Amino acid sequence: MSTQIKLGEITVNVVQKDIKNLHPSVYPPTGKVRISAPLQMDLDTIRVFAITKLGWIKKQQQKLREQVRETPREYLDRESHYLWGKRYLFKVEEKDSAAYVSLKHNKMVLHIRPDTSDERKQDLLAEWYREKLKEVVPALIAKWEPLMGVRVEKTFFQRMKTKWGSCNNRSRNIRLNTELAKKPLECLEYVVVHELVHLLEPSHNSRFIALMDQFMPSWRNHREELNRSPLGHEEWGY
């Protein structure tokens, strides 16, 4: 069940479903707002909650407005694409064989069959980025687990709507945004450490910050670099 409430000029999409708590979200690129709410909660209670979150909502929307965005990808020759923070010129090579991606000097080459659709090109690159992340992350986790005294059960790699990573403290699983393969390696390592710290402290409280300072004193610099890097151009849905 979904409806909308207005808070001045801000429209909040309310989605009620089988959950126990209220969860606010602000989605890029335009800052659309959604609140997930329990099925039986009345709209007045949800409105009061939204009002208490108004400052946070406006702050998140401002961040999104200030964030640099990639131009839409058309998968044409000489487009700029990135791997680990390095810029590559995109090139398409068509031939009647299995599709794959290769790096040649400063070029990222997509080898595809003729008449491959842009959607298929996007899927091929997304899977390639996912595999690149899978190649690097296990070594980072193996490095930090003994240093932090934690253990990760499973790691998932997926395109995420609003986060670079997430951690399930109970199952001890972490999820990483496949877009991280485009960012500098130190940014990826910062996100890995961030999620591993959540195995010790689930919230972003003073203990969490103290643990980040202990394990990675330069984490704020990496966070700023990651926040300055371009977001994808996509219009995220709900």
C-alpha atoms as a PDB file:
ATOM      1  CA  MET A   1       0.000   0.000   0.000  1.00  0.00           C
ATOM      2  CA  SER A   2       1.399   3.383  -0.962  1.00  0.00           C
ATOM      3  CA  THR A   3       0.374   7.018  -0.585  1.00  0.00           C
ATOM      4  CA  GLN A   4       1.936  10.476  -0.398  1.00  0.00           C
ATOM      5  CA  ILE A   5       2.224  13.172   2.228  1.00  0.00           C
ATOM      6  CA  LYS A   6       3.392  16.757   1.733  1.00  0.00           C
ATOM      7  CA  LEU A   7       5.855  18.545   4.002  1.00  0.00           C
ATOM      8  CA  GLY A   8       5.920  22.035   2.522  1.00  0.00           C
ATOM      9  CA  GLU A   9       7.587  21.651  -0.886  1.00  0.00           C
ATOM     10  CA  ILE A  10       8.759  18.091  -0.128  1.00  0.00           C
ATOM     11  CA  THR A  11       6.649  15.144  -1.259  1.00  0.00           C
ATOM     12  CA  VAL A  12       7.132  11.962   0.749  1.00  0.00           C
ATOM     13  CA  ASN A  13       6.151   8.645  -0.800  1.00  0.00           C
ATOM     14  CA  VAL A  14       4.874   6.340   1.950  1.00  0.00           C
ATOM     15  CA  VAL A  15       5.012   2.590   1.355  1.00  0.00           C
ATOM     16  CA  GLN A  16       3.362   0.437   4.008  1.00  0.00           C
ATOM     17  CA  LYS A  17       4.402  -3.182   4.228  1.00  0.00           C
ATOM     18  CA  ASP A  18       5.006  -6.025   6.658  1.00  0.00           C
ATOM     19  CA  ILE A  19       7.804  -4.461   8.720  1.00  0.00           C
ATOM     20  CA  LYS A  20       8.145  -3.396  12.351  1.00  0.00           C
ATOM     21  CA  ASN A  21       9.874  -0.008  12.124  1.00  0.00           C
ATOM     22  CA  LEU A  22       9.863   3.176  10.046  1.00  0.00           C
ATOM     23  CA  HIS A  23      12.673   3.589   7.506  1.00  0.00           C
ATOM     24  CA  PRO A  24      13.312   6.863   5.618  1.00  0.00           C
ATOM     25  CA  SER A  25      15.267   6.936   2.323  1.00  0.00           C
ATOM     26  CA  VAL A  26      16.387   9.715  -0.038  1.00  0.00           C
ATOM     27  CA  TYR A  27      17.136   8.546  -3.577  1.00  0.00           C
ATOM     28  CA  PRO A  28      19.520   9.964  -6.171  1.00  0.00           C
ATOM     29  CA  PRO A  29      19.731  11.807  -8.387  1.00  0.00           C
ATOM     30  CA  THR A  30      16.897  14.234  -7.551  1.00  0.00           C
ATOM     31  CA  GLY A  31      16.378  13.467  -3.861  1.00  0.00           C
ATOM     32  CA  LYS A  32      13.019  11.692  -3.982  1.00  0.00           C
ATOM     33  CA  VAL A  33      11.898  10.724  -0.487  1.00  0.00           C
ATOM     34  CA  ARG A  34      10.361   7.450   0.613  1.00  0.00           C
ATOM     35  CA  ILE A  35       9.342   6.236   4.049  1.00  0.00           C
ATOM     36  CA  SER A  36       8.719   2.530   4.557  1.00  0.00           C
ATOM     37  CA  ALA A  37       6.198   2.024   7.368  1.00  0.00           C
ATOM     38  CA  PRO A  38       4.408  -0.846   9.112  1.00  0.00           C
ATOM     39  CA  LEU A  39       1.093  -1.886   7.559  1.00  0.00           C
ATOM     40  CA  GLN A  40      -1.129  -0.914  10.484  1.00  0.00           C
ATOM     41  CA  MET A  41       0.502   2.450  11.293  1.00  0.00           C
ATOM     42  CA  ASP A  42      -1.781   5.451  10.803  1.00  0.00           C
ATOM     43  CA  LEU A  43      -0.783   8.268   8.478  1.00  0.00           C
ATOM     44  CA  ASP A  44      -0.674  10.909  11.223  1.00  0.00           C
ATOM     45  CA  THR A  45       1.986   8.937  13.084  1.00  0.00           C
ATOM     46  CA  ILE A  46       3.995   8.591   9.876  1.00  0.00           C
ATOM     47  CA  ARG A  47       3.657  12.325   9.213  1.00  0.00           C
ATOM     48  CA  VAL A  48       4.989  13.173  12.695  1.00  0.00           C
ATOM     49  CA  PHE A  49       7.945  10.837  12.085  1.00  0.00           C
ATOM     50  CA  ALA A  50       8.597  12.497   8.704  1.00  0.00           C
ATOM     51  CA  ILE A  51       8.590  15.940  10.358  1.00  0.00           C
ATOM     52  CA  THR A  52      11.212  14.790  12.880  1.00  0.00           C
ATOM     53  CA  LYS A  53      13.366  13.617   9.933  1.00  0.00           C
ATOM     54  CA  LEU A  54      12.898  16.784   7.877  1.00  0.00           C
ATOM     55  CA  GLY A  55      16.336  18.193   8.708  1.00  0.00           C
ATOM     56  CA  TRP A  56      18.017  14.906   7.761  1.00  0.00           C
ATOM     57  CA  ILE A  57      15.986  14.686   4.532  1.00  0.00           C
ATOM     58  CA  LYS A  58      16.996  18.193   3.447  1.00  0.00           C
ATOM     59  CA  LYS A  59      20.646  17.481   4.263  1.00  0.00           C
ATOM     60  CA  GLN A  60      20.612  14.315   2.134  1.00  0.00           C
ATOM     61  CA  GLN A  61      18.913  16.134  -0.736  1.00  0.00           C
ATOM     62  CA  GLN A  62      21.532  18.892  -0.610  1.00  0.00           C
ATOM     63  CA  LYS A  63      24.325  16.306  -0.768  1.00  0.00           C
ATOM     64  CA  LEU A  64      22.754  14.779  -3.872  1.00  0.00           C
ATOM     65  CA  ARG A  65      22.375  18.167  -5.568  1.00  0.00           C
ATOM     66  CA  GLU A  66      26.053  18.923  -4.962  1.00  0.00           C
ATOM     67  CA  GLN A  67      27.308  15.511  -6.081  1.00  0.00           C
ATOM     68  CA  VAL A  68      29.066  15.398  -9.444  1.00  0.00           C
ATOM     69  CA  ARG A  69      27.354  13.018 -11.880  1.00  0.00           C
ATOM     70  CA  GLU A  70      28.566  11.045 -14.815  1.00  0.00           C
ATOM     71  CA  THR A  71      27.122  11.907 -18.185  1.00  0.00           C
ATOM     72  CA  PRO A  72      24.865   9.156 -19.572  1.00  0.00           C
ATOM     73  CA  ARG A  73      26.851   6.262 -21.002  1.00  0.00           C
ATOM     74  CA  GLU A  74      26.230   5.675 -24.712  1.00  0.00           C
ATOM     75  CA  TYR A  75      28.951   2.993 -25.122  1.00  0.00           C
ATOM     76  CA  LEU A  76      30.574   4.808 -28.015  1.00  0.00           C
ATOM     77  CA  ASP A  77      34.241   4.994 -28.938  1.00  0.00           C
ATOM     78  CA  ARG A  78      36.303   7.447 -26.852  1.00  0.00           C
ATOM     79  CA  GLU A  79      33.833   7.675 -23.991  1.00  0.00           C
ATOM     80  CA  SER A  80      35.511   7.858 -20.579  1.00  0.00           C
ATOM     81  CA  HIS A  81      35.172   4.771 -18.383  1.00  0.00           C
ATOM     82  CA  TYR A  82      37.020   4.016 -15.142  1.00  0.00           C
ATOM     83  CA  LEU A  83      38.639   1.121 -13.310  1.00  0.00           C
ATOM     84  CA  TRP A  84      40.171   1.632  -9.843  1.00  0.00           C
ATOM     85  CA  GLY A  85      40.068   5.391 -10.359  1.00  0.00           C
ATOM     86  CA  LYS A  86      42.003   5.316 -13.649  1.00  0.00           C
ATOM     87  CA  ARG A  87      40.412   6.770 -16.767  1.00  0.00           C
ATOM     88  CA  TYR A  88      40.199   4.637 -19.887  1.00  0.00           C
ATOM     89  CA  LEU A  89      38.962   5.537 -23.349  1.00  0.00           C
ATOM     90  CA  PHE A  90      36.175   3.203 -24.346  1.00  0.00           C
ATOM     91  CA  LYS A  91      36.369   1.281 -27.606  1.00  0.00           C
ATOM     92  CA  VAL A  92      33.985  -1.196 -29.202  1.00  0.00           C
ATOM     93  CA  GLU A  93      35.311  -4.018 -31.358  1.00  0.00           C
ATOM     94  CA  GLU A  94      32.735  -6.088 -33.172  1.00  0.00           C
ATOM     95  CA  LYS A  95      33.323  -9.684 -34.188  1.00  0.00           C
ATOM     96  CA  ASP A  96      31.327 -12.881 -34.269  1.00  0.00           C
ATOM     97  CA  SER A  97      32.593 -14.467 -31.043  1.00  0.00           C
ATOM     98  CA  ALA A  98      31.886 -14.526 -27.314  1.00  0.00           C
ATOM     99  CA  ALA A  99      31.735 -11.104 -25.662  1.00  0.00           C
ATOM    100  CA  TYR A 100      34.432  -9.951 -23.230  1.00  0.00           C
ATOM    101  CA  VAL A 101      36.195  -6.821 -21.946  1.00  0.00           C
ATOM    102  CA  SER A 102      39.933  -6.171 -22.165  1.00  0.00           C
ATOM    103  CA  LEU A 103      42.302  -3.364 -21.192  1.00  0.00           C
ATOM    104  CA  LYS A 104      44.867  -2.207 -23.729  1.00  0.00           C
ATOM    105  CA  HIS A 105      47.102   0.589 -22.482  1.00  0.00           C
ATOM    106  CA  ASN A 106      44.693   3.494 -21.862  1.00  0.00           C
ATOM    107  CA  LYS A 107      41.758   1.815 -23.615  1.00  0.00           C
ATOM    108  CA  MET A 108      38.888  -0.297 -22.276  1.00  0.00           C
ATOM    109  CA  VAL A 109      37.806  -2.504 -25.156  1.00  0.00           C
ATOM    110  CA  LEU A 110      34.412  -4.182 -25.307  1.00  0.00           C
ATOM    111  CA  HIS A 111      34.495  -7.122 -27.702  1.00  0.00           C
ATOM    112  CA  ILE A 112      30.953  -7.892 -28.870  1.00  0.00           C
ATOM    113  CA  ARG A 113      28.966  -9.370 -31.703  1.00  0.00           C
ATOM    114  CA  PRO A 114      27.574  -6.933 -34.299  1.00  0.00           C
ATOM    115  CA  ASP A 115      24.190  -5.387 -33.470  1.00  0.00           C
ATOM    116  CA  THR A 116      24.593  -5.857 -29.708  1.00  0.00           C
ATOM    117  CA  SER A 117      22.123  -3.573 -27.924  1.00  0.00           C
ATOM    118  CA  ASP A 118      23.172  -0.803 -25.547  1.00  0.00           C
ATOM    119  CA  GLU A 119      21.356  -2.624 -22.754  1.00  0.00           C
ATOM    120  CA  ARG A 120      23.428  -5.730 -23.393  1.00  0.00           C
ATOM    121  CA  LYS A 121      26.618  -3.648 -23.491  1.00  0.00           C
ATOM    122  CA  GLN A 122      25.689  -2.183 -20.116  1.00  0.00           C
ATOM    123  CA  ASP A 123      25.058  -5.651 -18.676  1.00  0.00           C
ATOM    124  CA  LEU A 124      28.391  -6.954 -19.975  1.00  0.00           C
ATOM    125  CA  LEU A 125      30.310  -4.068 -18.403  1.00  0.00           C
ATOM    126  CA  ALA A 126      28.393  -4.367 -15.127  1.00  0.00           C
ATOM    127  CA  GLU A 127      29.282  -8.045 -14.863  1.00  0.00           C
ATOM    128  CA  TRP A 128      32.911  -7.278 -15.709  1.00  0.00           C
ATOM    129  CA  TYR A 129      33.066  -4.695 -12.914  1.00  0.00           C
ATOM    130  CA  ARG A 130      31.506  -7.217 -10.519  1.00  0.00           C
ATOM    131  CA  GLU A 131      34.194  -9.768 -11.382  1.00  0.00           C
ATOM    132  CA  LYS A 132      36.956  -7.183 -10.894  1.00  0.00           C
ATOM    133  CA  LEU A 133      35.606  -6.468  -7.430  1.00  0.00           C
ATOM    134  CA  LYS A 134      35.476 -10.181  -6.633  1.00  0.00           C
ATOM    135  CA  GLU A 135      39.148 -10.474  -7.586  1.00  0.00           C
ATOM    136  CA  VAL A 136      40.260  -7.822  -5.095  1.00  0.00           C
ATOM    137  CA  VAL A 137      37.919  -7.923  -2.094  1.00  0.00           C
ATOM    138  CA  PRO A 138      38.783 -11.372  -0.622  1.00  0.00           C
ATOM    139  CA  ALA A 139      42.404 -10.301  -0.051  1.00  0.00           C
ATOM    140  CA  LEU A 140      41.257  -7.096   1.655  1.00  0.00           C
ATOM    141  CA  ILE A 141      38.950  -9.015   3.969  1.00  0.00           C
ATOM    142  CA  ALA A 142      41.688 -11.542   4.725  1.00  0.00           C
ATOM    143  CA  LYS A 143      44.006  -8.634   5.583  1.00  0.00           C
ATOM    144  CA  TRP A 144      41.607  -6.876   7.946  1.00  0.00           C
ATOM    145  CA  GLU A 145      39.813  -9.757   9.672  1.00  0.00           C
ATOM    146  CA  PRO A 146      42.760 -10.710  11.949  1.00  0.00           C
ATOM    147  CA  LEU A 147      43.658  -7.063  12.569  1.00  0.00           C
ATOM    148  CA  MET A 148      40.140  -6.313  13.755  1.00  0.00           C
ATOM    149  CA  GLY A 149      39.287  -9.647  15.343  1.00  0.00           C
ATOM    150  CA  VAL A 150      36.192 -10.192  13.179  1.00  0.00           C
ATOM    151  CA  ARG A 151      34.981 -12.793  10.720  1.00  0.00           C
ATOM    152  CA  VAL A 152      32.864 -12.291   7.618  1.00  0.00           C
ATOM    153  CA  GLU A 153      30.587 -15.181   6.719  1.00  0.00           C
ATOM    154  CA  LYS A 154      29.643 -14.110   3.192  1.00  0.00           C
ATOM    155  CA  THR A 155      30.316 -11.201   0.864  1.00  0.00           C
ATOM    156  CA  PHE A 156      27.795 -10.113  -1.772  1.00  0.00           C
ATOM    157  CA  PHE A 157      28.440  -7.851  -4.755  1.00  0.00           C
ATOM    158  CA  GLN A 158      25.537  -5.927  -6.257  1.00  0.00           C
ATOM    159  CA  ARG A 159      24.472  -2.609  -7.679  1.00  0.00           C
ATOM    160  CA  MET A 160      23.145  -0.675  -4.696  1.00  0.00           C
ATOM    161  CA  LYS A 161      20.765   2.266  -4.863  1.00  0.00           C
ATOM    162  CA  THR A 162      22.024   4.614  -2.173  1.00  0.00           C
ATOM    163  CA  LYS A 163      24.978   3.025  -0.375  1.00  0.00           C
ATOM    164  CA  TRP A 164      28.543   1.992  -1.121  1.00  0.00           C
ATOM    165  CA  GLY A 165      28.178  -0.955   1.254  1.00  0.00           C
ATOM    166  CA  SER A 166      26.103  -2.510   3.997  1.00  0.00           C
ATOM    167  CA  CYS A 167      26.556  -4.980   6.834  1.00  0.00           C
ATOM    168  CA  ASN A 168      24.188  -7.453   8.463  1.00  0.00           C
ATOM    169  CA  ASN A 169      25.556  -7.696  11.980  1.00  0.00           C
ATOM    170  CA  ARG A 170      23.520 -10.795  12.856  1.00  0.00           C
ATOM    171  CA  SER A 171      24.389 -12.927   9.834  1.00  0.00           C
ATOM    172  CA  ARG A 172      27.875 -11.368   9.568  1.00  0.00           C
ATOM    173  CA  ASN A 173      27.402 -10.758   5.859  1.00  0.00           C
ATOM    174  CA  ILE A 174      28.526  -7.660   3.996  1.00  0.00           C
ATOM    175  CA  ARG A 175      27.369  -6.231   0.661  1.00  0.00           C
ATOM    176  CA  LEU A 176      29.463  -4.029  -1.598  1.00  0.00           C
ATOM    177  CA  ASN A 177      28.305  -1.780  -4.418  1.00  0.00           C
ATOM    178  CA  THR A 178      29.780  -2.934  -7.736  1.00  0.00           C
ATOM    179  CA  GLU A 179      30.315   0.751  -8.637  1.00  0.00           C
ATOM    180  CA  LEU A 180      33.279   0.627  -6.233  1.00  0.00           C
ATOM    181  CA  ALA A 181      35.319  -1.083  -8.978  1.00  0.00           C
ATOM    182  CA  LYS A 182      35.377   2.310 -10.716  1.00  0.00           C
ATOM    183  CA  LYS A 183      36.806   4.101  -7.679  1.00  0.00           C
ATOM    184  CA  PRO A 184      40.393   4.225  -6.347  1.00  0.00           C
ATOM    185  CA  LEU A 185      41.457   1.110  -4.449  1.00  0.00           C
ATOM    186  CA  GLU A 186      41.945   3.064  -1.216  1.00  0.00           C
ATOM    187  CA  CYS A 187      38.255   4.048  -1.385  1.00  0.00           C
ATOM    188  CA  LEU A 188      37.263   0.406  -1.733  1.00  0.00           C
ATOM    189  CA  GLU A 189      39.457  -0.520   1.217  1.00  0.00           C
ATOM    190  CA  TYR A 190      37.861   2.243   3.308  1.00  0.00           C
ATOM    191  CA  VAL A 191      34.370   0.862   2.560  1.00  0.00           C
ATOM    192  CA  VAL A 192      35.498  -2.682   3.442  1.00  0.00           C
ATOM    193  CA  VAL A 193      36.915  -1.488   6.776  1.00  0.00           C
ATOM    194  CA  HIS A 194      33.773   0.574   7.417  1.00  0.00           C
ATOM    195  CA  GLU A 195      31.550  -2.488   6.990  1.00  0.00           C
ATOM    196  CA  LEU A 196      33.849  -4.711   9.076  1.00  0.00           C
ATOM    197  CA  VAL A 197      33.726  -2.190  11.915  1.00  0.00           C
ATOM    198  CA  HIS A 198      29.951  -2.627  11.862  1.00  0.00           C
ATOM    199  CA  LEU A 199      30.558  -6.225  12.965  1.00  0.00           C
ATOM    200  CA  LEU A 200      31.918  -4.692  16.165  1.00  0.00           C
ATOM    201  CA  GLU A 201      29.529  -1.743  16.410  1.00  0.00           C
ATOM    202  CA  PRO A 202      26.263  -1.746  14.392  1.00  0.00           C
ATOM    203  CA  SER A 203      25.511   1.984  14.638  1.00  0.00           C
ATOM    204  CA  HIS A 204      27.426   5.115  13.627  1.00  0.00           C
ATOM    205  CA  ASN A 205      27.972   6.248  17.207  1.00  0.00           C
ATOM    206  CA  SER A 206      31.059   7.545  19.005  1.00  0.00           C
ATOM    207  CA  ARG A 207      32.358   3.994  19.513  1.00  0.00           C
ATOM    208  CA  PHE A 208      32.115   3.344  15.775  1.00  0.00           C
ATOM    209  CA  ILE A 209      34.089   6.531  15.026  1.00  0.00           C
ATOM    210  CA  ALA A 210      36.705   5.611  17.650  1.00  0.00           C
ATOM    211  CA  LEU A 211      37.119   2.163  16.072  1.00  0.00           C
ATOM    212  CA  MET A 212      37.504   3.697  12.605  1.00  0.00           C
ATOM    213  CA  ASP A 213      40.137   6.065  13.989  1.00  0.00           C
ATOM    214  CA  GLN A 214      41.927   3.120  15.581  1.00  0.00           C
ATOM    215  CA  PHE A 215      42.011   0.855  12.544  1.00  0.00           C
ATOM    216  CA  MET A 216      42.226   3.410   9.711  1.00  0.00           C
ATOM    217  CA  PRO A 217      43.275   6.875  10.919  1.00  0.00           C
ATOM    218  CA  SER A 218      43.028   8.289   7.375  1.00  0.00           C
ATOM    219  CA  TRP A 219      39.446   7.097   6.820  1.00  0.00           C
ATOM    220  CA  ARG A 220      37.987  10.603   6.614  1.00  0.00           C
ATOM    221  CA  ASN A 221      40.243  11.460   3.667  1.00  0.00           C
ATOM    222  CA  HIS A 222      39.112   8.329   1.818  1.00  0.00           C
ATOM    223  CA  ARG A 223      35.479   9.093   2.599  1.00  0.00           C
ATOM    224  CA  GLU A 224      35.831  12.602   1.202  1.00  0.00           C
ATOM    225  CA  GLU A 225      37.506  11.293  -1.954  1.00  0.00           C
ATOM    226  CA  LEU A 226      34.712   8.785  -2.451  1.00  0.00           C
ATOM    227  CA  ASN A 227      32.028  11.411  -1.860  1.00  0.00           C
ATOM    228  CA  ARG A 228      33.692  13.712  -4.415  1.00  0.00           C
ATOM    229  CA  SER A 229      33.741  11.046  -7.117  1.00  0.00           C
ATOM    230  CA  PRO A 230      30.953  11.041  -9.707  1.00  0.00           C
ATOM    231  CA  LEU A 231      27.776   9.110  -9.135  1.00  0.00           C
ATOM    232  CA  GLY A 232      26.157   7.165 -11.934  1.00  0.00           C
ATOM    233  CA  HIS A 233      23.694   9.089 -14.081  1.00  0.00           C
ATOM    234  CA  GLU A 234      20.804   6.699 -13.501  1.00  0.00           C
ATOM    235  CA  GLU A 235      17.471   7.784 -12.086  1.00  0.00           C
ATOM    236  CA  TRP A 236      17.031   5.360  -9.221  1.00  0.00           C
ATOM    237  CA  GLY A 237      13.560   3.990  -8.701  1.00  0.00           C
ATOM    238  CA  TYR A 238      12.020   2.740  -5.501  1.00  0.00           C
END
